[in-house]
Structures are given as C-alpha cells and as structure tokens.
Amino acid sequence: MPPPVLVAGLDGRSLQLEASVLRRDGHVIEEVATARALLASLAESASRLAVLGPRLPDMPLPEAIRRMRADPFIRHISILVVIPAAESMDLDGRSLEAGANVVLRRPLDESRLDSWVAKLLSVPRRVRTRVPVQGHVVGTPRSEMGVGHFVGLTRNVSTNGLLLACPVSLNGAPDVELEISLPDSGALRALGRVVRHAPEVRWPYLGYGVEFLYVPDEGVNALIELVQRETAPPPPTLIAEPRPEVMAIRTTLRREGWVYEILDPVPNGALWQVEIRRSARDGWRPGIGGPFYVLEAPSPEEALESARAFVRRNG
C-alpha cells in the first residue's frame, strides 16, 4: 500500500474527491487537527506528501512550513499548499518563501492538481538519492540558439539527473549533451533535458534541473556506486551510559516565552548548589536549556526553594 498523504488545515475529504490520482493509486488521506500533530505524524510515518491549508488552529501556515523544513528528519517531504480564493494574496508568497513546493488556489483545476500531486509524490524518493557533488560540467545545447559549448558546475547528482549551475541561459534548449566530472569516477557522458528552473542556484550562475535521457551503461554503474557510497548510513556507534554525576531536572517552570529547568542540588563545600537552566518555550525539549543562574543555600530544600523564588521574581 502506498504511504499516506497527511492533510492539515483543510478538508481532507474534499481533497480525496478532487485529486483523482490519489484515488487511482490507492493513497490513504490522514487528516490531522493541528500543525503540531502534523509534525509528529510526519516524523513517524513514511509519508512523501503533506497538503496544508490556512485553517491551522495552533500556528500560522508559513510557520508550520518553516518548522517542517527545519526538521532534518522530515524536511525532504513535499509540501502542497491549497488556499481558498478569499484568502489574502500575500499568503501565496509567504508560503513559498517558507519552503512550500507549490501553492494552488481554489477553485482547483483537477488536471493541474493531479499533475502536481504526482510530481510531488516522486520528489522525496529522488531527494533521498541526491548527493552533493561539486564538479565541472561541459555542455553542448542541442538547438540553434547560438550557444556553443559552455562550462558549468554541478550542485548535486542523482541516478535521475543533476542540478546544474550554468553560465548561460538555456531557454529554448531543452536537450543538452553533457560531460560531467565525478569524484573518483572520471568523466561521465550523458544526454539531459532541462525540466525546471532552479532559483536555489545563486548569481552569477543560472540554475536548471536536468533529467537524464540517456546514460551509457558504464556511466549508470558509476552513478549508482556514487549514490550508494554517499547515502550509506553511518556504522552504528556505541552510546556510553550516562555518567552518574549528570544532574537530573528536579523542577520545570514556564514563564511567558521561557522554560526554566531547576536541576538537582549538589554539595559545594558546606553549602548546596542548584543550577537554573533556560530555553525558549517554542521548540523546548527536556535537557536542551542553557546555563542561566546558580544559587547556594545551607540545605537542598532551601536551595530548591531559593531557585523557584528566583525564577518567579526574574523569569
């Protein structure tokens, strides 16, 4: 069964009816109530596509998208945003700037929706097999556009294609003969097709996503070896047991935009010392707070009470 498509901020039942490609391929739509629930579900599922709308009760739509892109475990998942016609037009731009792959407005054109859903479902599989490669590319466009050879750079390579940083415009030249320098693999020849503009490539280059149309067998083998080598998981490492002297969190206090962790008191000469740590409330997890203040008192109980009083006064 295909992995589920997760939906938040819009009616999942309507999307199921509108996107015939989901029904055809047997994708199950799982609707979640909040952005935080979406982030948790994405981390636990094999989903390749999240569809978001503006009706998120716990955070603005662009913020939910930014959080997805900031999480290394789910940032590869495609994001499709569907916005009602009555919503402010600037929401489109803010969603794309935050990291959405595409924004569509209602009323939806079914063929256009199906086309984007099919493309976005395939993106995460390709992302997982992309490897960053900085190498030279000699290209020759197959067109009469007046451009002869050019020398560009690769930004990443997969078995399907590459991200090309090109010094000349390839508008009007969809097919390009390529000679690509790969690390430890020599030069690879391929015929590629420009399938998209890539604004992530910065000046002075123009960016293009190039899909391989033909690669000789030896080149295919070199690409597979490169991708397998670069994407292989690291060998398991032994995690040491926690040291006995590591202090436990005794109390957690929330004050406005901060979370304060009061650690177990420890002896310090004739006194007892307690450390207070602090972390921003947004994104807090136990143990990530940084040093904030240290207090001392004659007994553990007094040290803890002094720490609580300090946070109430100064938090």
C-alpha atoms as a PDB file:
ATOM      1  CA  MET A   1       0.000   0.000   0.000  1.00  0.00           C
ATOM      2  CA  PRO A   2       1.325   3.499  -0.830  1.00  0.00           C
ATOM      3  CA  PRO A   3       2.292   5.692   2.143  1.00  0.00           C
ATOM      4  CA  PRO A   4      -0.425   8.032   3.444  1.00  0.00           C
ATOM      5  CA  VAL A   5      -0.855  11.639   2.408  1.00  0.00           C
ATOM      6  CA  LEU A   6      -1.124  13.810   5.520  1.00  0.00           C
ATOM      7  CA  VAL A   7      -3.503  16.776   5.481  1.00  0.00           C
ATOM      8  CA  ALA A   8      -3.854  19.668   7.936  1.00  0.00           C
ATOM      9  CA  GLY A   9      -5.674  22.982   7.768  1.00  0.00           C
ATOM     10  CA  LEU A  10      -8.204  21.911   5.124  1.00  0.00           C
ATOM     11  CA  ASP A  11     -10.862  19.284   4.476  1.00  0.00           C
ATOM     12  CA  GLY A  12      -9.188  16.004   3.597  1.00  0.00           C
ATOM     13  CA  ARG A  13     -12.408  14.529   2.204  1.00  0.00           C
ATOM     14  CA  SER A  14     -12.654  17.281  -0.403  1.00  0.00           C
ATOM     15  CA  LEU A  15      -9.048  16.712  -1.437  1.00  0.00           C
ATOM     16  CA  GLN A  16      -9.725  12.988  -1.897  1.00  0.00           C
ATOM     17  CA  LEU A  17     -12.579  13.824  -4.259  1.00  0.00           C
ATOM     18  CA  GLU A  18     -10.632  16.480  -6.164  1.00  0.00           C
ATOM     19  CA  ALA A  19      -7.357  14.569  -6.680  1.00  0.00           C
ATOM     20  CA  SER A  20      -8.221  11.551  -8.790  1.00  0.00           C
ATOM     21  CA  VAL A  21      -4.571  10.434  -8.824  1.00  0.00           C
ATOM     22  CA  LEU A  22      -4.830   9.696  -5.100  1.00  0.00           C
ATOM     23  CA  ARG A  23      -7.879   7.501  -5.603  1.00  0.00           C
ATOM     24  CA  ARG A  24      -6.355   5.763  -8.610  1.00  0.00           C
ATOM     25  CA  ASP A  25      -3.097   4.869  -6.823  1.00  0.00           C
ATOM     26  CA  GLY A  26      -4.757   3.911  -3.539  1.00  0.00           C
ATOM     27  CA  HIS A  27      -3.309   6.630  -1.341  1.00  0.00           C
ATOM     28  CA  VAL A  28      -4.981   6.985   2.044  1.00  0.00           C
ATOM     29  CA  ILE A  29      -5.526  10.533   3.291  1.00  0.00           C
ATOM     30  CA  GLU A  30      -4.904  11.036   7.008  1.00  0.00           C
ATOM     31  CA  GLU A  31      -6.266  14.321   8.337  1.00  0.00           C
ATOM     32  CA  VAL A  32      -4.766  15.801  11.499  1.00  0.00           C
ATOM     33  CA  ALA A  33      -6.211  18.660  13.534  1.00  0.00           C
ATOM     34  CA  THR A  34      -3.154  20.827  14.250  1.00  0.00           C
ATOM     35  CA  ALA A  35       0.248  21.700  12.832  1.00  0.00           C
ATOM     36  CA  ARG A  36       1.983  20.164  15.837  1.00  0.00           C
ATOM     37  CA  ALA A  37       0.104  16.907  15.315  1.00  0.00           C
ATOM     38  CA  LEU A  38       1.141  17.016  11.656  1.00  0.00           C
ATOM     39  CA  LEU A  39       4.831  17.383  12.541  1.00  0.00           C
ATOM     40  CA  ALA A  40       4.631  14.449  14.946  1.00  0.00           C
ATOM     41  CA  SER A  41       2.777  12.256  12.435  1.00  0.00           C
ATOM     42  CA  LEU A  42       5.230  13.025   9.626  1.00  0.00           C
ATOM     43  CA  ALA A  43       8.155  12.006  11.835  1.00  0.00           C
ATOM     44  CA  GLU A  44       6.520   8.624  12.491  1.00  0.00           C
ATOM     45  CA  SER A  45       5.186   7.835   9.007  1.00  0.00           C
ATOM     46  CA  ALA A  46       6.676   7.149   5.581  1.00  0.00           C
ATOM     47  CA  SER A  47       4.602   9.901   4.001  1.00  0.00           C
ATOM     48  CA  ARG A  48       6.051  11.660   0.961  1.00  0.00           C
ATOM     49  CA  LEU A  49       3.474  14.467   0.719  1.00  0.00           C
ATOM     50  CA  ALA A  50       1.849  16.873   3.163  1.00  0.00           C
ATOM     51  CA  VAL A  51      -1.072  19.035   1.993  1.00  0.00           C
ATOM     52  CA  LEU A  52      -1.617  22.157   4.080  1.00  0.00           C
ATOM     53  CA  GLY A  53      -4.309  24.810   4.249  1.00  0.00           C
ATOM     54  CA  PRO A  54      -4.622  28.021   6.274  1.00  0.00           C
ATOM     55  CA  ARG A  55      -7.084  26.660   8.887  1.00  0.00           C
ATOM     56  CA  LEU A  56      -4.417  25.626  11.401  1.00  0.00           C
ATOM     57  CA  PRO A  57      -5.557  26.422  14.954  1.00  0.00           C
ATOM     58  CA  ASP A  58      -2.146  26.412  16.645  1.00  0.00           C
ATOM     59  CA  MET A  59       0.169  28.379  14.337  1.00  0.00           C
ATOM     60  CA  PRO A  60       0.222  30.375  11.072  1.00  0.00           C
ATOM     61  CA  LEU A  61       0.597  28.380   7.868  1.00  0.00           C
ATOM     62  CA  PRO A  62       4.067  29.798   6.938  1.00  0.00           C
ATOM     63  CA  GLU A  63       5.379  28.950  10.414  1.00  0.00           C
ATOM     64  CA  ALA A  64       4.191  25.339  10.084  1.00  0.00           C
ATOM     65  CA  ILE A  65       6.027  25.089   6.750  1.00  0.00           C
ATOM     66  CA  ARG A  66       9.212  26.584   8.226  1.00  0.00           C
ATOM     67  CA  ARG A  67       9.148  24.040  11.044  1.00  0.00           C
ATOM     68  CA  MET A  68       8.867  21.195   8.548  1.00  0.00           C
ATOM     69  CA  ARG A  69      11.833  22.478   6.577  1.00  0.00           C
ATOM     70  CA  ALA A  70      13.873  22.992   9.770  1.00  0.00           C
ATOM     71  CA  ASP A  71      13.446  19.366  10.876  1.00  0.00           C
ATOM     72  CA  PRO A  72      16.202  17.198   9.331  1.00  0.00           C
ATOM     73  CA  PHE A  73      14.024  14.068   9.565  1.00  0.00           C
ATOM     74  CA  ILE A  74      11.058  15.405   7.564  1.00  0.00           C
ATOM     75  CA  ARG A  75      12.429  18.316   5.516  1.00  0.00           C
ATOM     76  CA  HIS A  76      12.560  16.123   2.384  1.00  0.00           C
ATOM     77  CA  ILE A  77       8.767  15.661   2.364  1.00  0.00           C
ATOM     78  CA  SER A  78       6.918  17.571  -0.369  1.00  0.00           C
ATOM     79  CA  ILE A  79       4.551  20.344   0.715  1.00  0.00           C
ATOM     80  CA  LEU A  80       1.479  21.282  -1.336  1.00  0.00           C
ATOM     81  CA  VAL A  81      -0.481  24.307  -0.094  1.00  0.00           C
ATOM     82  CA  VAL A  82      -4.143  24.731  -1.055  1.00  0.00           C
ATOM     83  CA  ILE A  83      -5.626  28.167  -0.326  1.00  0.00           C
ATOM     84  CA  PRO A  84      -9.277  29.297  -0.608  1.00  0.00           C
ATOM     85  CA  ALA A  85      -9.936  32.033  -3.141  1.00  0.00           C
ATOM     86  CA  ALA A  86     -10.973  34.518  -0.439  1.00  0.00           C
ATOM     87  CA  GLU A  87      -7.645  34.362   1.435  1.00  0.00           C
ATOM     88  CA  SER A  88      -5.136  37.226   1.200  1.00  0.00           C
ATOM     89  CA  MET A  89      -2.945  37.010  -1.917  1.00  0.00           C
ATOM     90  CA  ASP A  90       0.267  37.551   0.060  1.00  0.00           C
ATOM     91  CA  LEU A  91      -0.215  34.149   1.710  1.00  0.00           C
ATOM     92  CA  ASP A  92       0.924  32.502  -1.542  1.00  0.00           C
ATOM     93  CA  GLY A  93       4.281  34.263  -1.485  1.00  0.00           C
ATOM     94  CA  ARG A  94       4.838  33.776   2.241  1.00  0.00           C
ATOM     95  CA  SER A  95       4.120  30.048   1.919  1.00  0.00           C
ATOM     96  CA  LEU A  96       6.577  29.644  -0.952  1.00  0.00           C
ATOM     97  CA  GLU A  97       9.195  31.687   0.871  1.00  0.00           C
ATOM     98  CA  ALA A  98       8.787  29.454   3.931  1.00  0.00           C
ATOM     99  CA  GLY A  99       9.534  26.369   1.835  1.00  0.00           C
ATOM    100  CA  ALA A 100       6.350  25.067   0.173  1.00  0.00           C
ATOM    101  CA  ASN A 101       6.917  23.296  -3.143  1.00  0.00           C
ATOM    102  CA  VAL A 102       3.807  24.747  -4.775  1.00  0.00           C
ATOM    103  CA  VAL A 103       0.725  26.799  -3.855  1.00  0.00           C
ATOM    104  CA  LEU A 104      -2.646  26.258  -5.563  1.00  0.00           C
ATOM    105  CA  ARG A 105      -5.777  28.354  -5.113  1.00  0.00           C
ATOM    106  CA  ARG A 106      -9.362  27.231  -5.221  1.00  0.00           C
ATOM    107  CA  PRO A 107     -11.272  26.567  -7.365  1.00  0.00           C
ATOM    108  CA  LEU A 108      -8.830  23.816  -8.314  1.00  0.00           C
ATOM    109  CA  ASP A 109      -8.286  22.578 -11.842  1.00  0.00           C
ATOM    110  CA  GLU A 110      -8.365  18.785 -11.475  1.00  0.00           C
ATOM    111  CA  SER A 111      -5.798  18.029 -14.182  1.00  0.00           C
ATOM    112  CA  ARG A 112      -3.375  20.611 -12.766  1.00  0.00           C
ATOM    113  CA  LEU A 113      -3.887  19.301  -9.230  1.00  0.00           C
ATOM    114  CA  ASP A 114      -3.294  15.707 -10.346  1.00  0.00           C
ATOM    115  CA  SER A 115      -0.154  16.716 -12.224  1.00  0.00           C
ATOM    116  CA  TRP A 116       1.337  18.454  -9.178  1.00  0.00           C
ATOM    117  CA  VAL A 117       0.371  15.684  -6.761  1.00  0.00           C
ATOM    118  CA  ALA A 118       2.035  13.063  -8.986  1.00  0.00           C
ATOM    119  CA  LYS A 119       5.214  15.167  -9.264  1.00  0.00           C
ATOM    120  CA  LEU A 120       5.404  15.959  -5.550  1.00  0.00           C
ATOM    121  CA  LEU A 121       4.930  12.333  -4.538  1.00  0.00           C
ATOM    122  CA  SER A 122       8.050  11.432  -6.532  1.00  0.00           C
ATOM    123  CA  VAL A 123      10.264  14.240  -5.205  1.00  0.00           C
ATOM    124  CA  PRO A 124      11.182  12.757  -1.770  1.00  0.00           C
ATOM    125  CA  ARG A 125      12.357   9.495  -3.356  1.00  0.00           C
ATOM    126  CA  ARG A 126      14.729  11.473  -5.544  1.00  0.00           C
ATOM    127  CA  VAL A 127      15.876  13.729  -2.716  1.00  0.00           C
ATOM    128  CA  ARG A 128      16.967  10.707  -0.702  1.00  0.00           C
ATOM    129  CA  THR A 129      19.246   9.624  -3.557  1.00  0.00           C
ATOM    130  CA  ARG A 130      20.759  13.032  -4.316  1.00  0.00           C
ATOM    131  CA  VAL A 131      24.359  13.552  -3.342  1.00  0.00           C
ATOM    132  CA  PRO A 132      26.145  16.911  -3.239  1.00  0.00           C
ATOM    133  CA  VAL A 133      28.804  16.936  -5.949  1.00  0.00           C
ATOM    134  CA  GLN A 134      30.896  19.962  -6.864  1.00  0.00           C
ATOM    135  CA  GLY A 135      32.282  19.188 -10.310  1.00  0.00           C
ATOM    136  CA  HIS A 136      32.693  20.716 -13.744  1.00  0.00           C
ATOM    137  CA  VAL A 137      30.151  20.146 -16.489  1.00  0.00           C
ATOM    138  CA  VAL A 138      30.879  20.738 -20.157  1.00  0.00           C
ATOM    139  CA  GLY A 139      27.607  21.154 -22.008  1.00  0.00           C
ATOM    140  CA  THR A 140      26.527  21.481 -25.626  1.00  0.00           C
ATOM    141  CA  PRO A 141      22.878  22.524 -26.215  1.00  0.00           C
ATOM    142  CA  ARG A 142      21.054  20.700 -28.997  1.00  0.00           C
ATOM    143  CA  SER A 143      19.451  23.751 -30.562  1.00  0.00           C
ATOM    144  CA  GLU A 144      20.014  26.639 -32.934  1.00  0.00           C
ATOM    145  CA  MET A 145      20.048  29.180 -30.116  1.00  0.00           C
ATOM    146  CA  GLY A 146      23.601  30.300 -30.877  1.00  0.00           C
ATOM    147  CA  VAL A 147      25.209  28.868 -27.749  1.00  0.00           C
ATOM    148  CA  GLY A 148      28.132  26.519 -28.382  1.00  0.00           C
ATOM    149  CA  HIS A 149      29.923  24.785 -25.553  1.00  0.00           C
ATOM    150  CA  PHE A 150      29.664  26.060 -22.003  1.00  0.00           C
ATOM    151  CA  VAL A 151      31.409  25.094 -18.774  1.00  0.00           C
ATOM    152  CA  GLY A 152      29.171  24.962 -15.716  1.00  0.00           C
ATOM    153  CA  LEU A 153      29.126  23.277 -12.307  1.00  0.00           C
ATOM    154  CA  THR A 154      27.139  20.530 -10.653  1.00  0.00           C
ATOM    155  CA  ARG A 155      25.471  21.222  -7.316  1.00  0.00           C
ATOM    156  CA  ASN A 156      24.106  17.713  -6.762  1.00  0.00           C
ATOM    157  CA  VAL A 157      23.749  14.493  -8.741  1.00  0.00           C
ATOM    158  CA  SER A 158      21.392  11.521  -8.582  1.00  0.00           C
ATOM    159  CA  THR A 159      20.799   8.498 -10.776  1.00  0.00           C
ATOM    160  CA  ASN A 160      17.984  10.505 -12.435  1.00  0.00           C
ATOM    161  CA  GLY A 161      19.696  13.805 -13.182  1.00  0.00           C
ATOM    162  CA  LEU A 162      21.589  16.764 -11.748  1.00  0.00           C
ATOM    163  CA  LEU A 163      21.280  20.323 -10.510  1.00  0.00           C
ATOM    164  CA  LEU A 164      23.230  22.465 -12.972  1.00  0.00           C
ATOM    165  CA  ALA A 165      24.790  25.875 -12.341  1.00  0.00           C
ATOM    166  CA  CYS A 166      25.091  27.268 -15.852  1.00  0.00           C
ATOM    167  CA  PRO A 167      26.826  30.484 -17.012  1.00  0.00           C
ATOM    168  CA  VAL A 168      24.448  30.930 -19.981  1.00  0.00           C
ATOM    169  CA  SER A 169      20.696  30.843 -20.451  1.00  0.00           C
ATOM    170  CA  LEU A 170      19.313  27.511 -21.690  1.00  0.00           C
ATOM    171  CA  ASN A 171      15.877  28.861 -22.543  1.00  0.00           C
ATOM    172  CA  GLY A 172      14.900  27.277 -25.825  1.00  0.00           C
ATOM    173  CA  ALA A 173      17.436  24.471 -25.462  1.00  0.00           C
ATOM    174  CA  PRO A 174      15.688  21.675 -23.580  1.00  0.00           C
ATOM    175  CA  ASP A 175      18.185  18.932 -24.553  1.00  0.00           C
ATOM    176  CA  VAL A 176      21.871  19.211 -23.642  1.00  0.00           C
ATOM    177  CA  GLU A 177      24.841  16.906 -24.245  1.00  0.00           C
ATOM    178  CA  LEU A 178      26.820  16.726 -21.004  1.00  0.00           C
ATOM    179  CA  GLU A 179      30.260  15.653 -19.858  1.00  0.00           C
ATOM    180  CA  ILE A 180      30.310  15.568 -16.059  1.00  0.00           C
ATOM    181  CA  SER A 181      33.356  15.248 -13.799  1.00  0.00           C
ATOM    182  CA  LEU A 182      32.518  12.920 -10.887  1.00  0.00           C
ATOM    183  CA  PRO A 183      34.768  12.317  -7.875  1.00  0.00           C
ATOM    184  CA  ASP A 184      36.684   9.011  -8.150  1.00  0.00           C
ATOM    185  CA  SER A 185      34.692   8.142 -11.298  1.00  0.00           C
ATOM    186  CA  GLY A 186      36.276  10.209 -14.060  1.00  0.00           C
ATOM    187  CA  ALA A 187      34.141  11.856 -16.716  1.00  0.00           C
ATOM    188  CA  LEU A 188      30.565  10.748 -17.337  1.00  0.00           C
ATOM    189  CA  ARG A 189      28.767  11.436 -20.609  1.00  0.00           C
ATOM    190  CA  ALA A 190      25.005  11.850 -20.723  1.00  0.00           C
ATOM    191  CA  LEU A 191      22.164  13.377 -22.671  1.00  0.00           C
ATOM    192  CA  GLY A 192      19.990  15.529 -20.439  1.00  0.00           C
ATOM    193  CA  ARG A 193      16.800  17.545 -20.664  1.00  0.00           C
ATOM    194  CA  VAL A 194      16.137  20.790 -18.817  1.00  0.00           C
ATOM    195  CA  VAL A 195      12.938  20.196 -16.815  1.00  0.00           C
ATOM    196  CA  ARG A 196      12.852  23.183 -14.474  1.00  0.00           C
ATOM    197  CA  HIS A 197      14.444  26.458 -13.485  1.00  0.00           C
ATOM    198  CA  ALA A 198      16.300  26.212 -10.159  1.00  0.00           C
ATOM    199  CA  PRO A 199      16.215  29.537  -8.289  1.00  0.00           C
ATOM    200  CA  GLU A 200      18.199  27.980  -5.433  1.00  0.00           C
ATOM    201  CA  VAL A 201      21.322  28.365  -7.597  1.00  0.00           C
ATOM    202  CA  ARG A 202      22.721  31.836  -6.933  1.00  0.00           C
ATOM    203  CA  TRP A 203      24.234  34.529  -9.145  1.00  0.00           C
ATOM    204  CA  PRO A 204      26.401  34.623 -11.244  1.00  0.00           C
ATOM    205  CA  TYR A 205      25.007  31.282 -12.451  1.00  0.00           C
ATOM    206  CA  LEU A 206      21.569  30.306 -13.740  1.00  0.00           C
ATOM    207  CA  GLY A 207      20.149  27.175 -12.168  1.00  0.00           C
ATOM    208  CA  TYR A 208      18.472  24.301 -14.034  1.00  0.00           C
ATOM    209  CA  GLY A 209      17.174  20.918 -13.020  1.00  0.00           C
ATOM    210  CA  VAL A 210      18.339  18.458 -15.677  1.00  0.00           C
ATOM    211  CA  GLU A 211      16.869  14.973 -16.107  1.00  0.00           C
ATOM    212  CA  PHE A 212      18.976  12.289 -17.753  1.00  0.00           C
ATOM    213  CA  LEU A 213      17.512  10.966 -21.003  1.00  0.00           C
ATOM    214  CA  TYR A 214      20.395   8.626 -21.777  1.00  0.00           C
ATOM    215  CA  VAL A 215      23.492   7.499 -19.885  1.00  0.00           C
ATOM    216  CA  PRO A 216      25.820   4.720 -21.137  1.00  0.00           C
ATOM    217  CA  ASP A 217      25.954   1.573 -19.029  1.00  0.00           C
ATOM    218  CA  GLU A 218      29.340   2.397 -17.501  1.00  0.00           C
ATOM    219  CA  GLY A 219      28.020   5.813 -16.520  1.00  0.00           C
ATOM    220  CA  VAL A 220      24.917   4.314 -14.918  1.00  0.00           C
ATOM    221  CA  ASN A 221      27.121   1.995 -12.844  1.00  0.00           C
ATOM    222  CA  ALA A 222      29.313   4.921 -11.771  1.00  0.00           C
ATOM    223  CA  LEU A 223      26.249   6.921 -10.681  1.00  0.00           C
ATOM    224  CA  ILE A 224      24.813   4.003  -8.710  1.00  0.00           C
ATOM    225  CA  GLU A 225      28.119   3.411  -6.927  1.00  0.00           C
ATOM    226  CA  LEU A 226      28.450   7.114  -6.122  1.00  0.00           C
ATOM    227  CA  VAL A 227      24.919   7.395  -4.733  1.00  0.00           C
ATOM    228  CA  GLN A 228      25.199   4.182  -2.714  1.00  0.00           C
ATOM    229  CA  ARG A 229      28.536   5.268  -1.271  1.00  0.00           C
ATOM    230  CA  GLU A 230      27.392   8.764  -0.299  1.00  0.00           C
ATOM    231  CA  THR A 231      23.962   7.789   1.055  1.00  0.00           C
ATOM    232  CA  ALA A 232      25.015   4.690   3.006  1.00  0.00           C
ATOM    233  CA  PRO A 233      24.047   5.005   6.690  1.00  0.00           C
ATOM    234  CA  PRO A 234      26.974   5.530   9.068  1.00  0.00           C
ATOM    235  CA  PRO A 235      28.142   2.492  11.034  1.00  0.00           C
ATOM    236  CA  PRO A 236      26.455   2.104  14.418  1.00  0.00           C
ATOM    237  CA  THR A 237      28.272   3.704  17.306  1.00  0.00           C
ATOM    238  CA  LEU A 238      28.260   2.636  20.917  1.00  0.00           C
ATOM    239  CA  ILE A 239      26.424   5.134  23.095  1.00  0.00           C
ATOM    240  CA  ALA A 240      28.005   5.390  26.514  1.00  0.00           C
ATOM    241  CA  GLU A 241      25.858   5.032  29.599  1.00  0.00           C
ATOM    242  CA  PRO A 242      25.026   8.342  31.281  1.00  0.00           C
ATOM    243  CA  ARG A 243      27.611   9.392  33.819  1.00  0.00           C
ATOM    244  CA  PRO A 244      26.468   9.136  37.426  1.00  0.00           C
ATOM    245  CA  GLU A 245      27.362  12.772  38.057  1.00  0.00           C
ATOM    246  CA  VAL A 246      24.896  14.055  35.414  1.00  0.00           C
ATOM    247  CA  MET A 247      22.289  16.088  37.279  1.00  0.00           C
ATOM    248  CA  ALA A 248      18.594  15.368  36.848  1.00  0.00           C
ATOM    249  CA  ILE A 249      15.938  18.014  36.312  1.00  0.00           C
ATOM    250  CA  ARG A 250      14.053  18.470  39.575  1.00  0.00           C
ATOM    251  CA  THR A 251      11.515  21.141  38.542  1.00  0.00           C
ATOM    252  CA  THR A 252      10.341  22.753  35.308  1.00  0.00           C
ATOM    253  CA  LEU A 253       8.733  26.208  35.348  1.00  0.00           C
ATOM    254  CA  ARG A 254       7.164  28.074  32.427  1.00  0.00           C
ATOM    255  CA  ARG A 255       7.206  31.858  32.452  1.00  0.00           C
ATOM    256  CA  GLU A 256       5.988  33.802  29.402  1.00  0.00           C
ATOM    257  CA  GLY A 257       8.231  32.797  26.453  1.00  0.00           C
ATOM    258  CA  TRP A 258      10.747  30.808  28.504  1.00  0.00           C
ATOM    259  CA  VAL A 259      11.065  27.410  30.154  1.00  0.00           C
ATOM    260  CA  TYR A 260      13.261  27.161  33.270  1.00  0.00           C
ATOM    261  CA  GLU A 261      14.774  23.853  34.432  1.00  0.00           C
ATOM    262  CA  ILE A 262      15.911  23.625  38.046  1.00  0.00           C
ATOM    263  CA  LEU A 263      18.445  20.833  38.469  1.00  0.00           C
ATOM    264  CA  ASP A 264      19.052  18.620  41.499  1.00  0.00           C
ATOM    265  CA  PRO A 265      21.094  20.357  44.215  1.00  0.00           C
ATOM    266  CA  VAL A 266      24.717  19.221  44.587  1.00  0.00           C
ATOM    267  CA  PRO A 267      27.067  19.707  47.564  1.00  0.00           C
ATOM    268  CA  ASN A 268      29.577  22.541  47.280  1.00  0.00           C
ATOM    269  CA  GLY A 269      31.664  22.679  50.428  1.00  0.00           C
ATOM    270  CA  ALA A 270      29.415  23.473  53.366  1.00  0.00           C
ATOM    271  CA  LEU A 271      26.569  24.628  51.107  1.00  0.00           C
ATOM    272  CA  TRP A 272      24.253  23.121  48.491  1.00  0.00           C
ATOM    273  CA  GLN A 273      24.338  24.495  44.964  1.00  0.00           C
ATOM    274  CA  VAL A 274      21.475  24.425  42.444  1.00  0.00           C
ATOM    275  CA  GLU A 275      21.687  25.385  38.783  1.00  0.00           C
ATOM    276  CA  ILE A 276      18.901  27.015  36.771  1.00  0.00           C
ATOM    277  CA  ARG A 277      18.827  26.485  33.008  1.00  0.00           C
ATOM    278  CA  ARG A 278      16.689  28.329  30.490  1.00  0.00           C
ATOM    279  CA  SER A 279      15.349  27.638  26.992  1.00  0.00           C
ATOM    280  CA  ALA A 280      12.909  29.353  24.627  1.00  0.00           C
ATOM    281  CA  ARG A 281       9.416  27.906  25.101  1.00  0.00           C
ATOM    282  CA  ASP A 282       8.956  27.470  21.352  1.00  0.00           C
ATOM    283  CA  GLY A 283      10.584  24.150  20.478  1.00  0.00           C
ATOM    284  CA  TRP A 284      11.616  23.312  24.063  1.00  0.00           C
ATOM    285  CA  ARG A 285      12.518  19.738  24.959  1.00  0.00           C
ATOM    286  CA  PRO A 286      13.788  18.462  28.340  1.00  0.00           C
ATOM    287  CA  GLY A 287      17.510  18.909  28.714  1.00  0.00           C
ATOM    288  CA  ILE A 288      18.174  21.468  25.949  1.00  0.00           C
ATOM    289  CA  GLY A 289      18.226  24.524  28.240  1.00  0.00           C
ATOM    290  CA  GLY A 290      21.432  26.524  28.578  1.00  0.00           C
ATOM    291  CA  PRO A 291      23.030  27.817  31.828  1.00  0.00           C
ATOM    292  CA  PHE A 292      21.106  30.741  33.324  1.00  0.00           C
ATOM    293  CA  TYR A 293      21.877  31.151  37.065  1.00  0.00           C
ATOM    294  CA  VAL A 294      23.395  29.338  40.077  1.00  0.00           C
ATOM    295  CA  LEU A 295      22.245  29.685  43.697  1.00  0.00           C
ATOM    296  CA  GLU A 296      23.562  28.311  47.000  1.00  0.00           C
ATOM    297  CA  ALA A 297      21.839  27.589  50.307  1.00  0.00           C
ATOM    298  CA  PRO A 298      22.582  25.676  53.552  1.00  0.00           C
ATOM    299  CA  SER A 299      20.361  22.691  52.579  1.00  0.00           C
ATOM    300  CA  PRO A 300      18.997  21.050  49.407  1.00  0.00           C
ATOM    301  CA  GLU A 301      15.439  22.073  50.286  1.00  0.00           C
ATOM    302  CA  GLU A 302      16.417  25.713  50.802  1.00  0.00           C
ATOM    303  CA  ALA A 303      18.441  25.735  47.591  1.00  0.00           C
ATOM    304  CA  LEU A 304      15.442  24.470  45.584  1.00  0.00           C
ATOM    305  CA  GLU A 305      13.067  26.954  47.195  1.00  0.00           C
ATOM    306  CA  SER A 306      15.521  29.817  46.508  1.00  0.00           C
ATOM    307  CA  ALA A 307      15.735  28.753  42.862  1.00  0.00           C
ATOM    308  CA  ARG A 308      11.934  28.663  42.480  1.00  0.00           C
ATOM    309  CA  ALA A 309      11.625  32.092  44.102  1.00  0.00           C
ATOM    310  CA  PHE A 310      14.343  33.492  41.837  1.00  0.00           C
ATOM    311  CA  VAL A 311      12.512  32.293  38.695  1.00  0.00           C
ATOM    312  CA  ARG A 312       9.199  33.727  39.939  1.00  0.00           C
ATOM    313  CA  ARG A 313      10.861  37.100  40.525  1.00  0.00           C
ATOM    314  CA  ASN A 314      13.074  37.277  37.463  1.00  0.00           C
ATOM    315  CA  GLY A 315      11.549  34.898  34.904  1.00  0.00           C
END
